[in-house]
Protein backbone atom coordinates (compact mmCIF):
# COMPACT_ATOMS: atom_id res chain seq x y z
CA MET A 1 0.00 0.00 0.00
CA LYS A 2 1.62 3.24 -1.16
CA ILE A 3 0.59 6.47 0.52
CA ILE A 4 1.79 9.85 -0.73
CA GLY A 5 1.52 13.19 1.05
CA VAL A 6 0.86 16.16 -1.26
CA ILE A 7 1.22 19.80 -0.25
CA PRO A 8 -0.38 22.00 -2.93
CA ALA A 9 1.28 25.40 -3.05
CA ARG A 10 0.66 28.37 -5.33
CA TYR A 11 2.20 31.79 -5.22
CA ALA A 12 -0.74 33.88 -6.42
CA SER A 13 -2.94 33.99 -3.30
CA SER A 14 -5.38 36.92 -3.46
CA ARG A 15 -5.13 37.68 0.26
CA PHE A 16 -1.46 36.81 0.81
CA PRO A 17 0.68 36.57 -2.35
CA GLY A 18 3.79 34.44 -1.91
CA LYS A 19 2.44 32.86 1.27
CA PRO A 20 4.26 29.49 0.92
CA LEU A 21 7.60 31.35 0.95
CA ALA A 22 6.82 33.53 3.98
CA ASP A 23 9.77 33.45 6.38
CA ILE A 24 9.40 31.68 9.72
CA GLU A 25 12.58 31.53 11.76
CA GLY A 26 14.76 31.57 8.67
CA LYS A 27 12.83 28.92 6.72
CA PRO A 28 9.91 29.28 4.27
CA MET A 29 6.47 28.29 5.55
CA ILE A 30 6.29 25.39 3.10
CA TRP A 31 9.39 23.88 4.77
CA TRP A 32 7.64 23.81 8.14
CA VAL A 33 4.58 22.07 6.70
CA TYR A 34 6.80 19.55 4.93
CA GLN A 35 8.69 18.74 8.14
CA GLN A 36 5.45 18.02 9.99
CA ALA A 37 4.15 15.78 7.21
CA LYS A 38 7.44 13.83 7.12
CA LYS A 39 6.85 12.79 10.74
CA VAL A 40 3.97 10.53 9.68
CA LYS A 41 5.62 7.13 9.31
CA GLU A 42 2.70 5.70 7.33
CA ILE A 43 3.39 8.15 4.49
CA ASP A 44 5.91 6.79 1.99
CA GLU A 45 6.86 10.13 0.41
CA VAL A 46 5.88 13.78 0.71
CA TYR A 47 5.81 16.15 -2.26
CA VAL A 48 4.97 19.77 -2.94
CA ALA A 49 2.76 20.32 -6.01
CA THR A 50 3.17 23.86 -7.30
CA ASP A 51 2.74 26.00 -10.40
CA ASP A 52 5.42 28.56 -9.57
CA LYS A 53 9.15 28.45 -10.33
CA ARG A 54 9.97 30.45 -7.19
CA ILE A 55 8.35 27.81 -4.98
CA GLU A 56 10.00 25.04 -7.00
CA ALA A 57 13.42 26.66 -6.51
CA GLU A 58 12.90 27.03 -2.77
CA CYS A 59 11.84 23.40 -2.45
CA GLU A 60 14.92 22.24 -4.35
CA LYS A 61 17.08 24.41 -2.09
CA TYR A 62 15.81 22.46 0.94
CA ASN A 63 15.72 19.03 -0.77
CA ILE A 64 11.93 18.93 -0.77
CA LYS A 65 10.47 16.76 -3.52
CA VAL A 66 8.49 19.00 -5.85
CA ILE A 67 6.35 18.50 -8.97
CA MET A 68 5.41 21.34 -11.31
CA THR A 69 1.73 21.44 -12.30
CA SER A 70 -0.40 23.68 -14.49
CA SER A 71 -1.15 27.26 -13.46
CA SER A 72 -4.70 26.94 -14.81
CA HIS A 73 -6.12 24.75 -12.05
CA GLU A 74 -9.15 26.28 -10.34
CA THR A 75 -9.07 24.03 -7.28
CA VAL A 76 -6.68 21.98 -5.18
CA PHE A 77 -8.27 18.75 -6.41
CA TYR A 78 -7.48 19.54 -10.05
CA ARG A 79 -3.85 20.16 -9.10
CA VAL A 80 -3.58 16.95 -7.12
CA GLN A 81 -5.29 15.01 -9.89
CA GLU A 82 -2.61 16.18 -12.32
CA PHE A 83 0.04 15.31 -9.73
CA SER A 84 -1.44 11.80 -9.46
CA ASN A 85 -0.71 11.31 -13.17
CA TYR A 86 3.00 11.71 -12.40
CA VAL A 87 3.30 10.01 -9.00
CA ASN A 88 1.46 6.72 -8.56
CA ALA A 89 -0.09 5.83 -5.20
CA ASP A 90 -3.00 3.99 -3.60
CA PHE A 91 -3.92 7.01 -1.49
CA TYR A 92 -3.05 10.69 -1.57
CA ILE A 93 -3.15 12.82 1.56
CA ILE A 94 -3.64 16.47 0.69
CA ILE A 95 -2.13 18.75 3.33
CA ASN A 96 -2.73 22.50 3.32
CA GLY A 97 0.48 24.40 2.69
CA ASP A 98 -0.51 27.22 5.03
CA GLU A 99 -0.61 25.26 8.31
CA PRO A 100 2.98 25.09 9.59
CA LEU A 101 1.77 23.97 13.04
CA ILE A 102 -0.19 20.99 11.71
CA ASN A 103 -0.15 17.98 14.02
CA PRO A 104 1.28 14.80 12.40
CA ASN A 105 -1.23 12.70 14.36
CA HIS A 106 -4.05 14.60 12.68
CA ILE A 107 -2.62 13.75 9.27
CA LYS A 108 -2.39 10.11 10.36
CA ALA A 109 -6.11 10.15 11.32
CA VAL A 110 -7.21 9.80 7.67
CA ILE A 111 -5.13 6.67 7.07
CA LYS A 112 -7.39 3.64 7.45
CA PRO A 113 -7.86 0.76 4.98
CA GLU A 114 -11.63 1.37 4.77
CA TYR A 115 -11.03 4.99 3.77
CA ILE A 116 -8.33 4.19 1.24
CA GLU A 117 -10.55 1.82 -0.73
CA ASN A 118 -14.01 3.30 -0.31
CA TYR A 119 -14.07 6.96 0.66
CA THR A 120 -12.67 10.42 0.39
CA VAL A 121 -12.05 11.51 3.98
CA ASN A 122 -11.71 14.95 5.54
CA THR A 123 -10.71 16.01 9.02
CA ILE A 124 -12.90 18.33 11.09
CA SER A 125 -12.56 20.06 14.44
CA LYS A 126 -14.97 21.65 16.90
CA ILE A 127 -15.46 25.40 16.57
CA LYS A 128 -14.60 27.20 19.79
CA SER A 129 -16.00 30.72 19.44
CA PRO A 130 -18.78 32.76 17.79
CA ALA A 131 -16.14 34.60 15.76
CA GLU A 132 -14.96 31.29 14.26
CA THR A 133 -18.55 30.29 13.58
CA ASN A 134 -19.29 33.46 11.63
CA ASP A 135 -15.98 33.54 9.73
CA VAL A 136 -16.79 32.63 6.11
CA SER A 137 -13.26 31.26 5.63
CA ASN A 138 -14.14 28.50 8.12
CA ILE A 139 -16.10 25.85 6.25
CA LYS A 140 -18.83 24.48 8.51
CA VAL A 141 -19.89 20.84 8.11
CA VAL A 142 -22.84 18.57 8.89
CA PHE A 143 -22.79 14.78 8.96
CA ASP A 144 -24.86 11.76 9.94
CA LYS A 145 -24.34 9.28 12.80
CA ASP A 146 -21.81 7.33 10.72
CA MET A 147 -19.76 10.47 10.01
CA THR A 148 -20.84 10.49 6.37
CA ALA A 149 -20.69 14.02 4.99
CA LEU A 150 -24.05 15.64 4.27
CA TYR A 151 -23.13 19.22 3.49
CA MET A 152 -20.46 21.92 3.87
CA SER A 153 -21.16 25.65 4.01
CA ARG A 154 -19.65 29.02 4.75
CA PHE A 155 -22.83 29.77 6.66
CA PRO A 156 -23.21 28.50 10.26
CA ILE A 157 -25.12 25.23 9.90
CA PRO A 158 -27.29 23.78 11.33
CA PHE A 159 -29.41 26.79 12.25
CA PRO A 160 -30.29 26.83 16.01
CA ASN A 161 -34.05 27.15 15.54
CA LYS A 162 -35.37 24.89 18.30
CA SER A 163 -32.18 23.96 20.13
CA THR A 164 -28.74 25.33 20.90
CA ASN A 165 -27.55 22.05 22.40
CA PHE A 166 -25.00 21.21 19.72
CA SER A 167 -21.54 22.13 18.51
CA TYR A 168 -20.45 23.59 15.20
CA TRP A 169 -17.69 21.77 13.33
CA LYS A 170 -15.32 23.11 10.69
CA HIS A 171 -13.22 21.55 7.95
CA VAL A 172 -9.48 21.28 8.71
CA GLY A 173 -6.93 21.23 5.88
CA ILE A 174 -6.31 17.49 5.54
CA THR A 175 -7.98 15.31 2.90
CA GLY A 176 -7.39 11.67 1.98
CA ILE A 177 -8.40 10.58 -1.52
CA ASN A 178 -7.59 7.81 -3.99
CA LYS A 179 -6.79 8.03 -7.70
CA LYS A 180 -10.22 6.85 -8.84
CA SER A 181 -11.93 9.63 -6.89
CA LEU A 182 -9.51 12.26 -8.16
CA ASP A 183 -10.12 11.25 -11.76
CA LYS A 184 -13.89 11.23 -11.27
CA TYR A 185 -13.74 14.71 -9.72
CA ALA A 186 -11.75 16.06 -12.67
CA LYS A 187 -14.26 14.66 -15.18
CA THR A 188 -17.36 15.88 -13.33
CA PRO A 189 -18.75 19.40 -13.98
CA LYS A 190 -19.12 21.80 -11.08
CA SER A 191 -22.13 20.99 -8.96
CA THR A 192 -24.92 23.48 -8.27
CA PHE A 193 -24.02 23.95 -4.62
CA GLU A 194 -20.31 24.19 -5.39
CA LYS A 195 -21.05 27.13 -7.68
CA ILE A 196 -23.13 28.82 -4.97
CA GLU A 197 -20.85 28.25 -1.97
CA GLY A 198 -17.48 28.22 -3.70
CA ILE A 199 -16.51 25.01 -1.88
CA ASP A 200 -14.94 22.40 -4.15
CA HIS A 201 -15.56 19.55 -1.68
CA LEU A 202 -19.28 19.82 -2.41
CA ARG A 203 -18.71 18.20 -5.80
CA LEU A 204 -17.31 15.18 -3.98
CA ILE A 205 -20.23 15.03 -1.54
CA GLU A 206 -22.75 15.13 -4.36
CA THR A 207 -21.07 12.56 -6.61
CA GLN A 208 -19.05 10.29 -4.31
CA LYS A 209 -18.85 9.04 -0.71
CA MET A 210 -17.15 11.28 1.81
CA LYS A 211 -16.44 10.68 5.48
CA PHE A 212 -15.42 13.10 8.22
CA VAL A 213 -12.95 12.34 11.02
CA LYS A 214 -13.17 14.36 14.22
CA LEU A 215 -9.93 15.74 15.59
CA ASN A 216 -9.54 16.35 19.31
CA LYS A 217 -7.50 19.25 20.65
CA CYS A 218 -6.91 20.69 17.20
CA ASN A 219 -4.99 23.94 17.64
CA SER A 220 -3.53 24.27 14.17
CA LEU A 221 -3.57 27.80 12.77
CA SER A 222 -4.15 28.47 9.10
CA VAL A 223 -2.07 31.39 7.84
CA ASP A 224 -4.47 33.54 5.80
CA THR A 225 -3.15 36.99 6.73
CA GLN A 226 0.02 38.73 7.89
CA LYS A 227 -1.47 38.80 11.38
CA ASP A 228 -1.83 35.00 11.33
CA LEU A 229 1.79 34.72 10.22
CA GLU A 230 2.95 36.78 13.18
CA LYS A 231 1.02 34.47 15.55
CA VAL A 232 2.67 31.40 14.03
CA ARG A 233 6.10 32.99 14.19
CA GLU A 234 5.62 33.73 17.88
CA ILE A 235 4.43 30.19 18.65
CA ILE A 236 7.35 28.57 16.83
CA ARG A 237 9.80 31.01 18.41
CA LYS A 238 8.55 30.00 21.86
CA GLN A 239 8.74 26.30 20.97
CA LYS A 240 12.37 26.68 19.89
CA THR A 241 13.35 28.54 23.06
CA GLY A 242 11.29 26.33 25.36
CA ALA A 243 9.29 29.31 26.61
CA ASN A 244 5.80 28.86 28.04
């Protein structure tokens, strides 16, 4: 069973151009993500999939395996599908390139034989504050008793009409998917809800089987802004110095 970790990375982010190369303690952010992914023993190899020569050059500088992909891809899944044409595997674990604090155990959570053969699987964590709930960049999720995905939205769902005795859950940047599912995604037109919400995972929910895996004590921070970057820098600085 061959399992490959893939870190998609593009330079042209609308909110934070050049984000994968942002400096953290003398190393680019993509290096920190790569190091965390490499700690997962079940993963055979970890690659960066990019469309930018600057990111490719930085990866080569730090001996990070990198594959160049098209700059025309609209979503992460298109990029990873192209990558899967170059690097064969039974299962691909897609790891967000903007989470340098990602926990290796959370990456490991999507690696189960039943997932590899039958499902696309995504990790989710409990939302801790109203601000997180209302943040449209946090993708909220709903699922059934078997953790099968029902829907994902930028809007807080479910709506607390008759009860507030529940927790909101959000998507975390780790996805496990096999080659068959990637190819099917690439051949399937955008779904109605995907067009409305702007969430590419909705195409998978509508056309395939997707499972969610709950993560406990998930404190990973996605770097979407310069302010987020400063928070990550401070956390890593404290970890290196042993400060509390």
